Amino acid sequence: MIVAATLPLLVEHGDRVTSRQIAEAAGIAAGTIFRAFTDKDEVIAAVVESALDPAPLEAALSGIAAGLRFEDHLAAAIVIMQQRVIDIWRLVSNIGPRFHPITQRRIADSDALVRFFEAHRDRVTVEPVVAARLLRALTLSTTHPMLVGETMSSDELVQMFLHGVGEQQPC
C-alpha cells in the first residue's frame, strides 16, 4: 500500500517527496511508514524495485487477446511495452542518481513474447527468443524520450520490425 501510493508521488516530486506526502497518499500516519521501512530512501528503493518487476508486464503481454492477426498482436504488445518504457523513464529520471544503481540490471527475456513468436515461427526468420529481444530493443530505442524526438506509433514499429527501413521491392 505504501509502495503503490508512493509511485505517483515519485514521478511528480522525485526523491524530494516527503514522508508526510507519502503517508497522506497511503491514508496512514507518517509513523506507520517507519514501522515498515527504515527510512524514506528504503521506501524509494522499494518503489523502484516494484516498478521494475517484470510480472505486470508479462501479465499484460500474456493478456493480449488470442486470435488477433499477427500484426495486430505485435502492435498490442508494442503499446504495452511503450507505456512501460515511458513509465519507468519518468520514475528513473525523477528519483535522482543515488537510486540509479538499483535500475542497472539486465532486462530478462519476456516469456510471453517468446511464446508468441514460437506460436508464429512461420512469420519470423530468427529464433523466437531473438525475435522477442529484437522487438523489445526496437520498442525501447524508438520510445525512450532521450533517444528519439517523437515516439513512433505501434503500427509504424510493426512495419519497421517486419520489413526494416529499406524500400519494399515488388515480389
N, C-alpha and C. Protein backbone atom coordinates (compact mmCIF):
# COMPACT_ATOMS: atom_id res chain seq x y z
N MET A 1 0.83 -1.18 0.00
CA MET A 1 0.00 0.00 0.00
C MET A 1 0.88 1.26 0.00
N ILE A 2 1.93 1.27 0.80
CA ILE A 2 2.84 2.41 0.85
C ILE A 2 3.58 2.55 -0.47
N VAL A 3 4.05 1.43 -0.99
CA VAL A 3 4.79 1.45 -2.26
C VAL A 3 3.89 1.95 -3.38
N ALA A 4 2.68 1.42 -3.48
CA ALA A 4 1.76 1.83 -4.54
C ALA A 4 1.41 3.31 -4.43
N ALA A 5 1.23 3.81 -3.22
CA ALA A 5 0.88 5.22 -3.03
C ALA A 5 2.06 6.14 -3.34
N THR A 6 3.27 5.63 -3.18
CA THR A 6 4.46 6.46 -3.36
C THR A 6 4.85 6.61 -4.82
N LEU A 7 4.55 5.63 -5.65
CA LEU A 7 4.97 5.68 -7.05
C LEU A 7 4.56 6.97 -7.76
N PRO A 8 3.28 7.35 -7.77
CA PRO A 8 2.94 8.60 -8.47
C PRO A 8 3.59 9.84 -7.83
N LEU A 9 3.83 9.79 -6.53
CA LEU A 9 4.50 10.92 -5.87
C LEU A 9 5.93 11.05 -6.34
N LEU A 10 6.61 9.93 -6.52
CA LEU A 10 7.99 9.96 -7.02
C LEU A 10 8.05 10.48 -8.45
N VAL A 11 7.07 10.11 -9.25
CA VAL A 11 7.03 10.60 -10.62
C VAL A 11 6.84 12.11 -10.62
N GLU A 12 6.01 12.60 -9.70
CA GLU A 12 5.72 14.03 -9.64
C GLU A 12 6.81 14.83 -8.92
N HIS A 13 7.27 14.34 -7.77
CA HIS A 13 8.18 15.11 -6.92
C HIS A 13 9.61 14.59 -6.89
N GLY A 14 9.83 13.41 -7.40
CA GLY A 14 11.15 12.81 -7.33
C GLY A 14 11.50 12.45 -5.90
N ASP A 15 12.79 12.35 -5.63
CA ASP A 15 13.21 11.95 -4.29
C ASP A 15 13.03 13.05 -3.25
N ARG A 16 12.46 14.18 -3.68
CA ARG A 16 12.14 15.26 -2.73
C ARG A 16 10.78 15.05 -2.07
N VAL A 17 10.09 13.98 -2.43
CA VAL A 17 8.81 13.68 -1.81
C VAL A 17 9.02 13.56 -0.30
N THR A 18 8.04 14.00 0.45
CA THR A 18 8.18 13.95 1.91
C THR A 18 7.45 12.73 2.46
N SER A 19 7.85 12.33 3.64
CA SER A 19 7.16 11.21 4.29
C SER A 19 5.72 11.60 4.61
N ARG A 20 5.47 12.86 4.86
CA ARG A 20 4.10 13.33 5.08
C ARG A 20 3.26 13.13 3.82
N GLN A 21 3.80 13.48 2.65
CA GLN A 21 3.07 13.28 1.40
C GLN A 21 2.79 11.79 1.17
N ILE A 22 3.77 10.95 1.47
CA ILE A 22 3.60 9.51 1.31
C ILE A 22 2.49 9.01 2.23
N ALA A 23 2.53 9.43 3.49
CA ALA A 23 1.53 8.99 4.46
C ALA A 23 0.13 9.43 4.03
N GLU A 24 0.00 10.68 3.60
CA GLU A 24 -1.30 11.17 3.16
C GLU A 24 -1.82 10.38 1.97
N ALA A 25 -0.94 10.11 1.00
CA ALA A 25 -1.36 9.35 -0.18
C ALA A 25 -1.75 7.92 0.17
N ALA A 26 -1.08 7.35 1.16
CA ALA A 26 -1.37 5.98 1.58
C ALA A 26 -2.52 5.91 2.58
N GLY A 27 -2.93 7.06 3.10
CA GLY A 27 -4.00 7.09 4.08
C GLY A 27 -3.59 6.52 5.43
N ILE A 28 -2.34 6.80 5.81
CA ILE A 28 -1.82 6.29 7.08
C ILE A 28 -1.11 7.41 7.82
N ALA A 29 -0.77 7.17 9.07
CA ALA A 29 0.03 8.12 9.83
C ALA A 29 1.49 8.02 9.38
N ALA A 30 2.20 9.13 9.42
CA ALA A 30 3.60 9.15 8.97
C ALA A 30 4.45 8.13 9.70
N GLY A 31 4.20 7.94 10.98
CA GLY A 31 4.98 6.99 11.75
C GLY A 31 4.82 5.55 11.28
N THR A 32 3.69 5.26 10.66
CA THR A 32 3.42 3.90 10.17
C THR A 32 4.41 3.52 9.08
N ILE A 33 4.83 4.49 8.29
CA ILE A 33 5.81 4.23 7.22
C ILE A 33 7.06 3.61 7.82
N PHE A 34 7.48 4.15 8.94
CA PHE A 34 8.76 3.74 9.50
C PHE A 34 8.67 2.49 10.38
N ARG A 35 7.48 1.93 10.44
CA ARG A 35 7.36 0.59 11.01
C ARG A 35 7.67 -0.44 9.94
N ALA A 36 7.41 -0.08 8.70
CA ALA A 36 7.65 -0.98 7.57
C ALA A 36 8.99 -0.74 6.89
N PHE A 37 9.48 0.50 6.94
CA PHE A 37 10.71 0.87 6.26
C PHE A 37 11.61 1.63 7.22
N THR A 38 12.91 1.46 7.05
CA THR A 38 13.89 2.13 7.91
C THR A 38 13.85 3.64 7.72
N ASP A 39 13.79 4.06 6.44
CA ASP A 39 13.80 5.50 6.13
C ASP A 39 13.16 5.71 4.77
N LYS A 40 13.08 6.96 4.36
CA LYS A 40 12.44 7.30 3.08
C LYS A 40 13.20 6.68 1.91
N ASP A 41 14.53 6.62 1.99
CA ASP A 41 15.29 6.01 0.90
C ASP A 41 14.92 4.54 0.70
N GLU A 42 14.62 3.86 1.78
CA GLU A 42 14.21 2.46 1.67
C GLU A 42 12.84 2.36 0.99
N VAL A 43 11.97 3.32 1.25
CA VAL A 43 10.67 3.37 0.56
C VAL A 43 10.89 3.57 -0.93
N ILE A 44 11.74 4.52 -1.27
CA ILE A 44 12.02 4.81 -2.69
C ILE A 44 12.61 3.59 -3.37
N ALA A 45 13.56 2.93 -2.73
CA ALA A 45 14.16 1.73 -3.30
C ALA A 45 13.11 0.65 -3.53
N ALA A 46 12.18 0.50 -2.59
CA ALA A 46 11.11 -0.49 -2.74
C ALA A 46 10.19 -0.14 -3.91
N VAL A 47 9.93 1.14 -4.10
CA VAL A 47 9.10 1.58 -5.23
C VAL A 47 9.80 1.28 -6.54
N VAL A 48 11.09 1.57 -6.62
CA VAL A 48 11.84 1.29 -7.84
C VAL A 48 11.85 -0.20 -8.13
N GLU A 49 12.10 -1.00 -7.12
CA GLU A 49 12.07 -2.47 -7.30
C GLU A 49 10.71 -2.92 -7.81
N SER A 50 9.66 -2.39 -7.24
CA SER A 50 8.31 -2.75 -7.65
C SER A 50 8.05 -2.34 -9.11
N ALA A 51 8.47 -1.14 -9.47
CA ALA A 51 8.25 -0.64 -10.83
C ALA A 51 9.02 -1.47 -11.86
N LEU A 52 10.17 -2.00 -11.46
CA LEU A 52 10.98 -2.80 -12.38
C LEU A 52 10.56 -4.27 -12.43
N ASP A 53 9.67 -4.67 -11.56
CA ASP A 53 9.20 -6.06 -11.53
C ASP A 53 8.59 -6.41 -12.89
N PRO A 54 9.10 -7.44 -13.57
CA PRO A 54 8.58 -7.77 -14.89
C PRO A 54 7.22 -8.49 -14.87
N ALA A 55 6.75 -8.92 -13.72
CA ALA A 55 5.50 -9.69 -13.66
C ALA A 55 4.29 -8.95 -14.25
N PRO A 56 4.07 -7.67 -13.91
CA PRO A 56 2.91 -6.98 -14.53
C PRO A 56 3.04 -6.86 -16.05
N LEU A 57 4.25 -6.64 -16.54
CA LEU A 57 4.46 -6.57 -17.99
C LEU A 57 4.14 -7.92 -18.62
N GLU A 58 4.65 -8.99 -18.03
CA GLU A 58 4.38 -10.33 -18.55
C GLU A 58 2.89 -10.63 -18.53
N ALA A 59 2.21 -10.25 -17.46
CA ALA A 59 0.76 -10.48 -17.38
C ALA A 59 0.02 -9.71 -18.48
N ALA A 60 0.42 -8.47 -18.69
CA ALA A 60 -0.22 -7.66 -19.73
C ALA A 60 0.02 -8.25 -21.12
N LEU A 61 1.26 -8.67 -21.38
CA LEU A 61 1.57 -9.26 -22.68
C LEU A 61 0.84 -10.59 -22.86
N SER A 62 0.75 -11.37 -21.80
CA SER A 62 0.03 -12.65 -21.87
C SER A 62 -1.46 -12.44 -22.02
N GLY A 63 -1.95 -11.29 -21.60
CA GLY A 63 -3.38 -10.99 -21.66
C GLY A 63 -3.86 -10.45 -22.99
N ILE A 64 -2.97 -10.30 -23.94
CA ILE A 64 -3.40 -9.84 -25.27
C ILE A 64 -4.32 -10.92 -25.86
N ALA A 65 -5.43 -10.48 -26.39
CA ALA A 65 -6.45 -11.40 -26.88
C ALA A 65 -5.88 -12.39 -27.89
N ALA A 66 -6.19 -13.65 -27.68
CA ALA A 66 -5.80 -14.69 -28.63
C ALA A 66 -6.62 -14.51 -29.90
N GLY A 67 -6.07 -14.92 -30.99
CA GLY A 67 -6.81 -14.87 -32.24
C GLY A 67 -6.63 -13.59 -33.03
N LEU A 68 -5.87 -12.64 -32.49
CA LEU A 68 -5.61 -11.43 -33.27
C LEU A 68 -4.70 -11.77 -34.46
N ARG A 69 -4.81 -10.98 -35.50
CA ARG A 69 -3.85 -11.11 -36.60
C ARG A 69 -2.45 -10.91 -36.03
N PHE A 70 -1.45 -11.51 -36.63
CA PHE A 70 -0.07 -11.42 -36.19
C PHE A 70 0.34 -9.96 -35.98
N GLU A 71 0.08 -9.12 -36.98
CA GLU A 71 0.48 -7.72 -36.92
C GLU A 71 -0.26 -6.97 -35.80
N ASP A 72 -1.52 -7.29 -35.60
CA ASP A 72 -2.30 -6.64 -34.54
C ASP A 72 -1.81 -7.06 -33.16
N HIS A 73 -1.42 -8.31 -33.03
CA HIS A 73 -0.87 -8.78 -31.75
C HIS A 73 0.46 -8.07 -31.47
N LEU A 74 1.30 -7.95 -32.49
CA LEU A 74 2.56 -7.22 -32.33
C LEU A 74 2.29 -5.77 -31.91
N ALA A 75 1.33 -5.12 -32.56
CA ALA A 75 1.01 -3.73 -32.24
C ALA A 75 0.53 -3.61 -30.80
N ALA A 76 -0.29 -4.54 -30.34
CA ALA A 76 -0.77 -4.50 -28.96
C ALA A 76 0.39 -4.69 -27.98
N ALA A 77 1.30 -5.60 -28.30
CA ALA A 77 2.47 -5.81 -27.44
C ALA A 77 3.35 -4.56 -27.39
N ILE A 78 3.51 -3.92 -28.52
CA ILE A 78 4.33 -2.71 -28.59
C ILE A 78 3.71 -1.60 -27.74
N VAL A 79 2.41 -1.42 -27.81
CA VAL A 79 1.74 -0.40 -26.99
C VAL A 79 2.01 -0.64 -25.51
N ILE A 80 1.91 -1.88 -25.08
CA ILE A 80 2.17 -2.23 -23.68
C ILE A 80 3.62 -1.93 -23.32
N MET A 81 4.55 -2.33 -24.18
CA MET A 81 5.97 -2.10 -23.88
C MET A 81 6.32 -0.60 -23.94
N GLN A 82 5.72 0.13 -24.87
CA GLN A 82 5.97 1.57 -24.93
C GLN A 82 5.54 2.25 -23.63
N GLN A 83 4.38 1.89 -23.13
CA GLN A 83 3.91 2.51 -21.89
C GLN A 83 4.86 2.19 -20.74
N ARG A 84 5.36 0.97 -20.70
CA ARG A 84 6.31 0.59 -19.64
C ARG A 84 7.59 1.42 -19.75
N VAL A 85 8.11 1.59 -20.96
CA VAL A 85 9.31 2.41 -21.15
C VAL A 85 9.06 3.82 -20.63
N ILE A 86 7.95 4.40 -21.00
CA ILE A 86 7.63 5.77 -20.58
C ILE A 86 7.48 5.85 -19.07
N ASP A 87 6.75 4.91 -18.49
CA ASP A 87 6.53 4.93 -17.03
C ASP A 87 7.84 4.78 -16.27
N ILE A 88 8.67 3.85 -16.68
CA ILE A 88 9.94 3.65 -15.97
C ILE A 88 10.86 4.83 -16.19
N TRP A 89 10.89 5.37 -17.40
CA TRP A 89 11.75 6.53 -17.64
C TRP A 89 11.33 7.71 -16.77
N ARG A 90 10.02 7.96 -16.66
CA ARG A 90 9.54 9.06 -15.81
C ARG A 90 9.99 8.87 -14.37
N LEU A 91 9.86 7.66 -13.86
CA LEU A 91 10.27 7.38 -12.49
C LEU A 91 11.77 7.55 -12.32
N VAL A 92 12.54 6.89 -13.15
CA VAL A 92 14.00 6.91 -13.01
C VAL A 92 14.57 8.31 -13.20
N SER A 93 14.00 9.07 -14.10
CA SER A 93 14.53 10.41 -14.34
C SER A 93 14.23 11.36 -13.18
N ASN A 94 13.28 11.00 -12.31
CA ASN A 94 12.91 11.88 -11.20
C ASN A 94 13.45 11.46 -9.84
N ILE A 95 14.00 10.27 -9.72
CA ILE A 95 14.40 9.79 -8.39
C ILE A 95 15.80 10.21 -7.98
N GLY A 96 16.57 10.73 -8.88
CA GLY A 96 17.91 11.14 -8.51
C GLY A 96 18.93 10.02 -8.72
N PRO A 97 20.16 10.40 -8.98
CA PRO A 97 21.18 9.42 -9.36
C PRO A 97 21.57 8.43 -8.26
N ARG A 98 21.33 8.75 -7.02
CA ARG A 98 21.76 7.80 -5.98
C ARG A 98 20.94 6.52 -6.00
N PHE A 99 19.80 6.52 -6.68
CA PHE A 99 18.98 5.31 -6.80
C PHE A 99 19.20 4.59 -8.12
N HIS A 100 19.96 5.17 -9.02
CA HIS A 100 20.16 4.57 -10.34
C HIS A 100 20.83 3.19 -10.30
N PRO A 101 21.72 2.90 -9.35
CA PRO A 101 22.28 1.54 -9.33
C PRO A 101 21.21 0.44 -9.21
N ILE A 102 20.10 0.75 -8.59
CA ILE A 102 19.02 -0.24 -8.48
C ILE A 102 18.47 -0.58 -9.86
N THR A 103 18.50 0.38 -10.76
CA THR A 103 17.89 0.20 -12.08
C THR A 103 18.83 -0.46 -13.07
N GLN A 104 20.07 -0.60 -12.73
CA GLN A 104 21.05 -1.13 -13.68
C GLN A 104 21.11 -2.65 -13.60
N ARG A 105 20.27 -3.24 -14.38
CA ARG A 105 20.21 -4.70 -14.42
C ARG A 105 19.83 -5.14 -15.82
N ARG A 106 20.19 -6.32 -16.13
CA ARG A 106 19.85 -6.89 -17.43
C ARG A 106 18.34 -7.10 -17.49
N ILE A 107 17.76 -6.77 -18.60
CA ILE A 107 16.33 -6.99 -18.80
C ILE A 107 16.14 -8.46 -19.17
N ALA A 108 15.34 -9.15 -18.40
CA ALA A 108 15.09 -10.56 -18.64
C ALA A 108 14.27 -10.74 -19.92
N ASP A 109 14.48 -11.88 -20.56
CA ASP A 109 13.67 -12.20 -21.73
C ASP A 109 12.20 -12.27 -21.33
N SER A 110 11.35 -11.86 -22.22
CA SER A 110 9.91 -11.92 -21.98
C SER A 110 9.39 -13.28 -22.43
N ASP A 111 8.98 -14.08 -21.46
CA ASP A 111 8.42 -15.39 -21.78
C ASP A 111 7.17 -15.26 -22.64
N ALA A 112 6.37 -14.23 -22.38
CA ALA A 112 5.14 -14.03 -23.15
C ALA A 112 5.46 -13.74 -24.62
N LEU A 113 6.46 -12.91 -24.87
CA LEU A 113 6.83 -12.62 -26.26
C LEU A 113 7.45 -13.85 -26.93
N VAL A 114 8.28 -14.56 -26.20
CA VAL A 114 8.89 -15.77 -26.76
C VAL A 114 7.80 -16.76 -27.15
N ARG A 115 6.82 -16.97 -26.28
CA ARG A 115 5.71 -17.89 -26.58
C ARG A 115 4.94 -17.43 -27.82
N PHE A 116 4.72 -16.12 -27.92
CA PHE A 116 4.02 -15.58 -29.09
C PHE A 116 4.79 -15.90 -30.37
N PHE A 117 6.09 -15.63 -30.36
CA PHE A 117 6.88 -15.89 -31.57
C PHE A 117 7.03 -17.39 -31.84
N GLU A 118 7.03 -18.21 -30.79
CA GLU A 118 7.05 -19.67 -31.00
C GLU A 118 5.78 -20.11 -31.72
N ALA A 119 4.66 -19.51 -31.35
CA ALA A 119 3.39 -19.86 -31.98
C ALA A 119 3.32 -19.37 -33.43
N HIS A 120 4.21 -18.44 -33.78
CA HIS A 120 4.21 -17.87 -35.14
C HIS A 120 5.58 -18.00 -35.78
N ARG A 121 6.22 -19.14 -35.57
CA ARG A 121 7.56 -19.38 -36.12
C ARG A 121 7.61 -19.14 -37.63
N ASP A 122 6.53 -19.40 -38.31
CA ASP A 122 6.49 -19.24 -39.76
C ASP A 122 6.54 -17.78 -40.20
N ARG A 123 6.36 -16.85 -39.27
CA ARG A 123 6.34 -15.42 -39.60
C ARG A 123 7.65 -14.71 -39.32
N VAL A 124 8.61 -15.39 -38.67
CA VAL A 124 9.89 -14.76 -38.35
C VAL A 124 11.04 -15.63 -38.87
N THR A 125 12.15 -14.98 -39.15
CA THR A 125 13.30 -15.68 -39.72
C THR A 125 14.38 -15.97 -38.69
N VAL A 126 14.14 -15.63 -37.45
CA VAL A 126 15.10 -15.87 -36.38
C VAL A 126 14.42 -16.69 -35.29
N GLU A 127 15.20 -17.19 -34.35
CA GLU A 127 14.63 -17.94 -33.24
C GLU A 127 13.66 -17.05 -32.45
N PRO A 128 12.62 -17.63 -31.88
CA PRO A 128 11.64 -16.84 -31.13
C PRO A 128 12.25 -15.96 -30.05
N VAL A 129 13.23 -16.44 -29.31
CA VAL A 129 13.84 -15.63 -28.26
C VAL A 129 14.57 -14.43 -28.86
N VAL A 130 15.17 -14.61 -30.02
CA VAL A 130 15.85 -13.50 -30.70
C VAL A 130 14.82 -12.48 -31.19
N ALA A 131 13.72 -12.98 -31.76
CA ALA A 131 12.66 -12.07 -32.22
C ALA A 131 12.11 -11.26 -31.05
N ALA A 132 11.90 -11.92 -29.90
CA ALA A 132 11.39 -11.22 -28.73
C ALA A 132 12.37 -10.15 -28.27
N ARG A 133 13.66 -10.47 -28.23
CA ARG A 133 14.67 -9.49 -27.82
C ARG A 133 14.74 -8.32 -28.80
N LEU A 134 14.67 -8.62 -30.09
CA LEU A 134 14.73 -7.55 -31.09
C LEU A 134 13.51 -6.63 -31.02
N LEU A 135 12.33 -7.21 -30.79
CA LEU A 135 11.13 -6.38 -30.67
C LEU A 135 11.24 -5.47 -29.46
N ARG A 136 11.70 -6.01 -28.33
CA ARG A 136 11.86 -5.18 -27.14
C ARG A 136 12.91 -4.09 -27.36
N ALA A 137 14.02 -4.44 -27.99
CA ALA A 137 15.08 -3.46 -28.24
C ALA A 137 14.59 -2.35 -29.17
N LEU A 138 13.90 -2.73 -30.22
CA LEU A 138 13.37 -1.73 -31.15
C LEU A 138 12.36 -0.84 -30.46
N THR A 139 11.49 -1.43 -29.67
CA THR A 139 10.47 -0.65 -28.95
C THR A 139 11.13 0.31 -27.97
N LEU A 140 12.09 -0.17 -27.19
CA LEU A 140 12.80 0.69 -26.23
C LEU A 140 13.50 1.82 -26.96
N SER A 141 14.26 1.50 -27.99
CA SER A 141 15.08 2.52 -28.64
C SER A 141 14.27 3.53 -29.43
N THR A 142 13.06 3.19 -29.81
CA THR A 142 12.23 4.14 -30.55
C THR A 142 11.16 4.78 -29.69
N THR A 143 11.20 4.50 -28.39
CA THR A 143 10.22 5.07 -27.46
C THR A 143 10.89 5.94 -26.40
N HIS A 144 12.08 5.56 -25.98
CA HIS A 144 12.75 6.27 -24.89
C HIS A 144 12.92 7.74 -25.25
N PRO A 145 12.41 8.64 -24.41
CA PRO A 145 12.43 10.08 -24.72
C PRO A 145 13.83 10.66 -24.94
N MET A 146 14.85 10.04 -24.37
CA MET A 146 16.20 10.56 -24.54
C MET A 146 16.85 10.07 -25.83
N LEU A 147 16.22 9.11 -26.50
CA LEU A 147 16.81 8.53 -27.70
C LEU A 147 16.13 9.00 -28.98
N VAL A 148 14.88 9.42 -28.88
CA VAL A 148 14.14 9.81 -30.08
C VAL A 148 13.44 11.14 -29.85
N GLY A 149 13.18 11.83 -30.93
CA GLY A 149 12.44 13.07 -30.83
C GLY A 149 10.96 12.81 -30.64
N GLU A 150 10.42 11.99 -31.52
CA GLU A 150 9.00 11.69 -31.47
C GLU A 150 8.83 10.18 -31.49
N THR A 151 8.04 9.68 -30.58
CA THR A 151 7.81 8.24 -30.48
C THR A 151 7.07 7.74 -31.71
N MET A 152 7.52 6.62 -32.23
CA MET A 152 6.83 6.00 -33.37
C MET A 152 5.56 5.32 -32.87
N SER A 153 4.56 5.28 -33.72
CA SER A 153 3.32 4.58 -33.37
C SER A 153 3.56 3.08 -33.38
N SER A 154 2.68 2.35 -32.75
CA SER A 154 2.83 0.89 -32.73
C SER A 154 2.74 0.32 -34.14
N ASP A 155 1.89 0.86 -34.98
CA ASP A 155 1.78 0.36 -36.35
C ASP A 155 3.06 0.63 -37.14
N GLU A 156 3.67 1.80 -36.93
CA GLU A 156 4.94 2.10 -37.58
C GLU A 156 6.03 1.14 -37.11
N LEU A 157 6.03 0.85 -35.81
CA LEU A 157 7.03 -0.09 -35.29
C LEU A 157 6.82 -1.50 -35.82
N VAL A 158 5.58 -1.92 -35.97
CA VAL A 158 5.31 -3.24 -36.55
C VAL A 158 5.89 -3.31 -37.95
N GLN A 159 5.64 -2.28 -38.74
CA GLN A 159 6.16 -2.26 -40.11
C GLN A 159 7.68 -2.27 -40.12
N MET A 160 8.31 -1.48 -39.24
CA MET A 160 9.76 -1.45 -39.19
C MET A 160 10.30 -2.81 -38.75
N PHE A 161 9.68 -3.40 -37.75
CA PHE A 161 10.13 -4.69 -37.23
C PHE A 161 10.03 -5.76 -38.32
N LEU A 162 8.94 -5.78 -39.03
CA LEU A 162 8.72 -6.84 -40.02
C LEU A 162 9.42 -6.60 -41.35
N HIS A 163 9.61 -5.32 -41.72
CA HIS A 163 10.10 -5.04 -43.07
C HIS A 163 11.36 -4.18 -43.12
N GLY A 164 11.83 -3.69 -42.00
CA GLY A 164 13.04 -2.87 -41.98
C GLY A 164 12.80 -1.48 -42.52
N VAL A 165 13.88 -0.82 -42.87
CA VAL A 165 13.78 0.56 -43.33
C VAL A 165 14.04 0.69 -44.83
N GLY A 166 14.37 -0.40 -45.46
CA GLY A 166 14.65 -0.36 -46.90
C GLY A 166 13.39 -0.24 -47.73
N GLU A 167 13.56 0.13 -48.96
CA GLU A 167 12.45 0.24 -49.89
C GLU A 167 11.88 -1.15 -50.13
N GLN A 168 10.58 -1.25 -50.11
CA GLN A 168 9.93 -2.53 -50.37
C GLN A 168 10.03 -2.85 -51.85
N GLN A 169 10.52 -4.02 -52.15
CA GLN A 169 10.67 -4.46 -53.54
C GLN A 169 9.45 -5.29 -53.95
N PRO A 170 8.98 -5.10 -55.17
CA PRO A 170 7.87 -5.94 -55.61
C PRO A 170 8.33 -7.39 -55.70
N CYS A 171 7.43 -8.30 -55.38
CA CYS A 171 7.77 -9.73 -55.43
C CYS A 171 7.73 -10.28 -56.81
